[in-house]
Protein backbone atom coordinates (compact mmCIF):
# COMPACT_ATOMS: atom_id res chain seq x y z
CA UNK A 1 0.00 0.00 0.00
CA UNK A 2 1.24 3.48 -0.87
CA UNK A 3 2.02 6.15 1.63
CA UNK A 4 -0.71 8.75 1.02
CA UNK A 5 0.39 11.42 3.47
CA UNK A 6 -0.64 14.79 2.06
CA UNK A 7 2.10 17.26 1.29
CA UNK A 8 1.98 20.22 3.67
CA UNK A 9 4.23 23.21 3.25
CA UNK A 10 5.81 24.79 6.31
CA UNK A 11 3.87 28.01 5.78
CA UNK A 12 0.57 26.08 5.89
CA UNK A 13 1.33 24.42 9.20
CA UNK A 14 1.00 27.57 11.31
CA UNK A 15 -2.08 29.35 10.00
CA UNK A 16 -3.48 32.15 12.10
CA UNK A 17 -7.25 32.48 12.21
CA UNK A 18 -8.70 35.17 9.99
CA UNK A 19 -9.19 38.61 11.48
CA UNK A 20 -12.96 38.38 11.94
CA UNK A 21 -12.59 34.91 13.46
CA UNK A 22 -10.10 36.38 15.94
CA UNK A 23 -12.57 39.16 16.73
CA UNK A 24 -15.38 36.66 17.32
CA UNK A 25 -13.12 34.59 19.59
CA UNK A 26 -12.18 37.63 21.64
CA UNK A 27 -15.83 38.65 22.03
CA UNK A 28 -16.83 35.12 23.06
CA UNK A 29 -13.99 34.97 25.58
CA UNK A 30 -15.52 38.05 27.22
CA UNK A 31 -18.96 36.37 27.31
CA UNK A 32 -20.68 39.10 25.29
CA UNK A 33 -24.05 38.31 23.79
CA UNK A 34 -24.43 36.92 20.28
CA UNK A 35 -26.15 40.14 19.21
CA UNK A 36 -23.17 42.19 20.44
CA UNK A 37 -20.83 39.91 18.51
CA UNK A 38 -22.90 40.37 15.36
CA UNK A 39 -22.82 44.15 15.77
CA UNK A 40 -19.04 44.26 16.29
CA UNK A 41 -18.40 42.04 13.29
CA UNK A 42 -20.79 44.15 11.18
CA UNK A 43 -18.93 47.38 11.99
CA UNK A 44 -15.52 45.78 11.53
CA UNK A 45 -16.54 44.50 8.08
CA UNK A 46 -17.93 47.88 7.06
CA UNK A 47 -14.76 49.65 8.26
CA UNK A 48 -12.54 47.26 6.30
CA UNK A 49 -14.64 47.57 3.14
CA UNK A 50 -14.78 51.36 3.47
CA UNK A 51 -10.99 51.41 3.27
CA UNK A 52 -10.71 49.15 0.23
CA UNK A 53 -10.20 45.85 2.09
CA UNK A 54 -7.02 47.05 3.81
CA UNK A 55 -6.07 45.18 6.96
CA UNK A 56 -6.83 47.20 10.12
CA UNK A 57 -3.26 46.63 11.32
CA UNK A 58 -2.14 48.88 8.43
CA UNK A 59 -4.47 51.69 9.50
CA UNK A 60 -4.56 54.14 12.36
CA UNK A 61 -6.47 57.02 13.87
CA UNK A 62 -6.75 58.91 10.57
CA UNK A 63 -8.66 56.02 8.97
CA UNK A 64 -10.94 55.67 11.98
CA UNK A 65 -11.70 59.40 11.89
CA UNK A 66 -12.36 59.24 8.14
CA UNK A 67 -14.82 56.38 8.63
CA UNK A 68 -16.64 58.08 11.50
CA UNK A 69 -16.78 61.35 9.54
CA UNK A 70 -18.27 59.46 6.60
CA UNK A 71 -20.94 57.98 8.84
CA UNK A 72 -21.80 61.38 10.30
CA UNK A 73 -21.65 63.53 7.17
CA UNK A 74 -22.65 61.19 4.35
CA UNK A 75 -24.82 58.56 5.99
CA UNK A 76 -26.33 60.92 8.61
CA UNK A 77 -26.31 58.29 11.33
CA UNK A 78 -27.66 59.13 14.76
CA UNK A 79 -25.35 59.69 17.71
CA UNK A 80 -26.00 56.24 19.20
CA UNK A 81 -25.01 54.54 15.94
CA UNK A 82 -21.93 56.73 15.65
CA UNK A 83 -20.82 55.76 19.16
CA UNK A 84 -21.40 52.08 18.46
CA UNK A 85 -19.35 52.22 15.27
C-alpha atoms as a PDB file:
ATOM      1  CA  UNK A   1       0.000   0.000   0.000  1.00  0.00           C
ATOM      2  CA  UNK A   2       1.244   3.478  -0.870  1.00  0.00           C
ATOM      3  CA  UNK A   3       2.022   6.154   1.634  1.00  0.00           C
ATOM      4  CA  UNK A   4      -0.715   8.751   1.016  1.00  0.00           C
ATOM      5  CA  UNK A   5       0.389  11.415   3.468  1.00  0.00           C
ATOM      6  CA  UNK A   6      -0.636  14.792   2.062  1.00  0.00           C
ATOM      7  CA  UNK A   7       2.102  17.262   1.287  1.00  0.00           C
ATOM      8  CA  UNK A   8       1.976  20.217   3.668  1.00  0.00           C
ATOM      9  CA  UNK A   9       4.227  23.206   3.255  1.00  0.00           C
ATOM     10  CA  UNK A  10       5.814  24.787   6.306  1.00  0.00           C
ATOM     11  CA  UNK A  11       3.866  28.011   5.784  1.00  0.00           C
ATOM     12  CA  UNK A  12       0.572  26.079   5.885  1.00  0.00           C
ATOM     13  CA  UNK A  13       1.333  24.424   9.202  1.00  0.00           C
ATOM     14  CA  UNK A  14       0.999  27.566  11.307  1.00  0.00           C
ATOM     15  CA  UNK A  15      -2.077  29.351   9.998  1.00  0.00           C
ATOM     16  CA  UNK A  16      -3.482  32.146  12.100  1.00  0.00           C
ATOM     17  CA  UNK A  17      -7.248  32.479  12.210  1.00  0.00           C
ATOM     18  CA  UNK A  18      -8.698  35.171   9.986  1.00  0.00           C
ATOM     19  CA  UNK A  19      -9.193  38.612  11.483  1.00  0.00           C
ATOM     20  CA  UNK A  20     -12.956  38.384  11.939  1.00  0.00           C
ATOM     21  CA  UNK A  21     -12.592  34.915  13.462  1.00  0.00           C
ATOM     22  CA  UNK A  22     -10.104  36.384  15.944  1.00  0.00           C
ATOM     23  CA  UNK A  23     -12.569  39.162  16.728  1.00  0.00           C
ATOM     24  CA  UNK A  24     -15.378  36.663  17.317  1.00  0.00           C
ATOM     25  CA  UNK A  25     -13.124  34.593  19.586  1.00  0.00           C
ATOM     26  CA  UNK A  26     -12.180  37.631  21.636  1.00  0.00           C
ATOM     27  CA  UNK A  27     -15.829  38.648  22.030  1.00  0.00           C
ATOM     28  CA  UNK A  28     -16.825  35.118  23.063  1.00  0.00           C
ATOM     29  CA  UNK A  29     -13.992  34.973  25.582  1.00  0.00           C
ATOM     30  CA  UNK A  30     -15.519  38.051  27.223  1.00  0.00           C
ATOM     31  CA  UNK A  31     -18.958  36.372  27.314  1.00  0.00           C
ATOM     32  CA  UNK A  32     -20.677  39.095  25.288  1.00  0.00           C
ATOM     33  CA  UNK A  33     -24.055  38.307  23.789  1.00  0.00           C
ATOM     34  CA  UNK A  34     -24.428  36.921  20.282  1.00  0.00           C
ATOM     35  CA  UNK A  35     -26.155  40.141  19.210  1.00  0.00           C
ATOM     36  CA  UNK A  36     -23.173  42.189  20.439  1.00  0.00           C
ATOM     37  CA  UNK A  37     -20.832  39.905  18.511  1.00  0.00           C
ATOM     38  CA  UNK A  38     -22.901  40.371  15.360  1.00  0.00           C
ATOM     39  CA  UNK A  39     -22.824  44.153  15.770  1.00  0.00           C
ATOM     40  CA  UNK A  40     -19.040  44.258  16.291  1.00  0.00           C
ATOM     41  CA  UNK A  41     -18.401  42.041  13.285  1.00  0.00           C
ATOM     42  CA  UNK A  42     -20.785  44.153  11.181  1.00  0.00           C
ATOM     43  CA  UNK A  43     -18.931  47.384  11.989  1.00  0.00           C
ATOM     44  CA  UNK A  44     -15.515  45.781  11.530  1.00  0.00           C
ATOM     45  CA  UNK A  45     -16.544  44.499   8.077  1.00  0.00           C
ATOM     46  CA  UNK A  46     -17.930  47.876   7.059  1.00  0.00           C
ATOM     47  CA  UNK A  47     -14.760  49.655   8.258  1.00  0.00           C
ATOM     48  CA  UNK A  48     -12.540  47.255   6.305  1.00  0.00           C
ATOM     49  CA  UNK A  49     -14.640  47.566   3.143  1.00  0.00           C
ATOM     50  CA  UNK A  50     -14.776  51.355   3.471  1.00  0.00           C
ATOM     51  CA  UNK A  51     -10.988  51.411   3.268  1.00  0.00           C
ATOM     52  CA  UNK A  52     -10.708  49.147   0.226  1.00  0.00           C
ATOM     53  CA  UNK A  53     -10.197  45.849   2.091  1.00  0.00           C
ATOM     54  CA  UNK A  54      -7.020  47.047   3.815  1.00  0.00           C
ATOM     55  CA  UNK A  55      -6.070  45.179   6.960  1.00  0.00           C
ATOM     56  CA  UNK A  56      -6.829  47.205  10.116  1.00  0.00           C
ATOM     57  CA  UNK A  57      -3.256  46.632  11.319  1.00  0.00           C
ATOM     58  CA  UNK A  58      -2.144  48.880   8.433  1.00  0.00           C
ATOM     59  CA  UNK A  59      -4.466  51.694   9.502  1.00  0.00           C
ATOM     60  CA  UNK A  60      -4.565  54.141  12.358  1.00  0.00           C
ATOM     61  CA  UNK A  61      -6.473  57.018  13.870  1.00  0.00           C
ATOM     62  CA  UNK A  62      -6.751  58.913  10.570  1.00  0.00           C
ATOM     63  CA  UNK A  63      -8.657  56.024   8.973  1.00  0.00           C
ATOM     64  CA  UNK A  64     -10.943  55.672  11.984  1.00  0.00           C
ATOM     65  CA  UNK A  65     -11.695  59.403  11.885  1.00  0.00           C
ATOM     66  CA  UNK A  66     -12.363  59.238   8.136  1.00  0.00           C
ATOM     67  CA  UNK A  67     -14.820  56.378   8.635  1.00  0.00           C
ATOM     68  CA  UNK A  68     -16.639  58.081  11.500  1.00  0.00           C
ATOM     69  CA  UNK A  69     -16.782  61.348   9.542  1.00  0.00           C
ATOM     70  CA  UNK A  70     -18.269  59.460   6.598  1.00  0.00           C
ATOM     71  CA  UNK A  71     -20.942  57.981   8.843  1.00  0.00           C
ATOM     72  CA  UNK A  72     -21.800  61.382  10.296  1.00  0.00           C
ATOM     73  CA  UNK A  73     -21.647  63.531   7.174  1.00  0.00           C
ATOM     74  CA  UNK A  74     -22.646  61.193   4.352  1.00  0.00           C
ATOM     75  CA  UNK A  75     -24.823  58.560   5.989  1.00  0.00           C
ATOM     76  CA  UNK A  76     -26.333  60.922   8.609  1.00  0.00           C
ATOM     77  CA  UNK A  77     -26.311  58.286  11.330  1.00  0.00           C
ATOM     78  CA  UNK A  78     -27.656  59.129  14.762  1.00  0.00           C
ATOM     79  CA  UNK A  79     -25.348  59.687  17.709  1.00  0.00           C
ATOM     80  CA  UNK A  80     -25.995  56.236  19.197  1.00  0.00           C
ATOM     81  CA  UNK A  81     -25.005  54.538  15.941  1.00  0.00           C
ATOM     82  CA  UNK A  82     -21.930  56.729  15.648  1.00  0.00           C
ATOM     83  CA  UNK A  83     -20.821  55.761  19.156  1.00  0.00           C
ATOM     84  CA  UNK A  84     -21.403  52.084  18.457  1.00  0.00           C
ATOM     85  CA  UNK A  85     -19.353  52.216  15.268  1.00  0.00           C
END
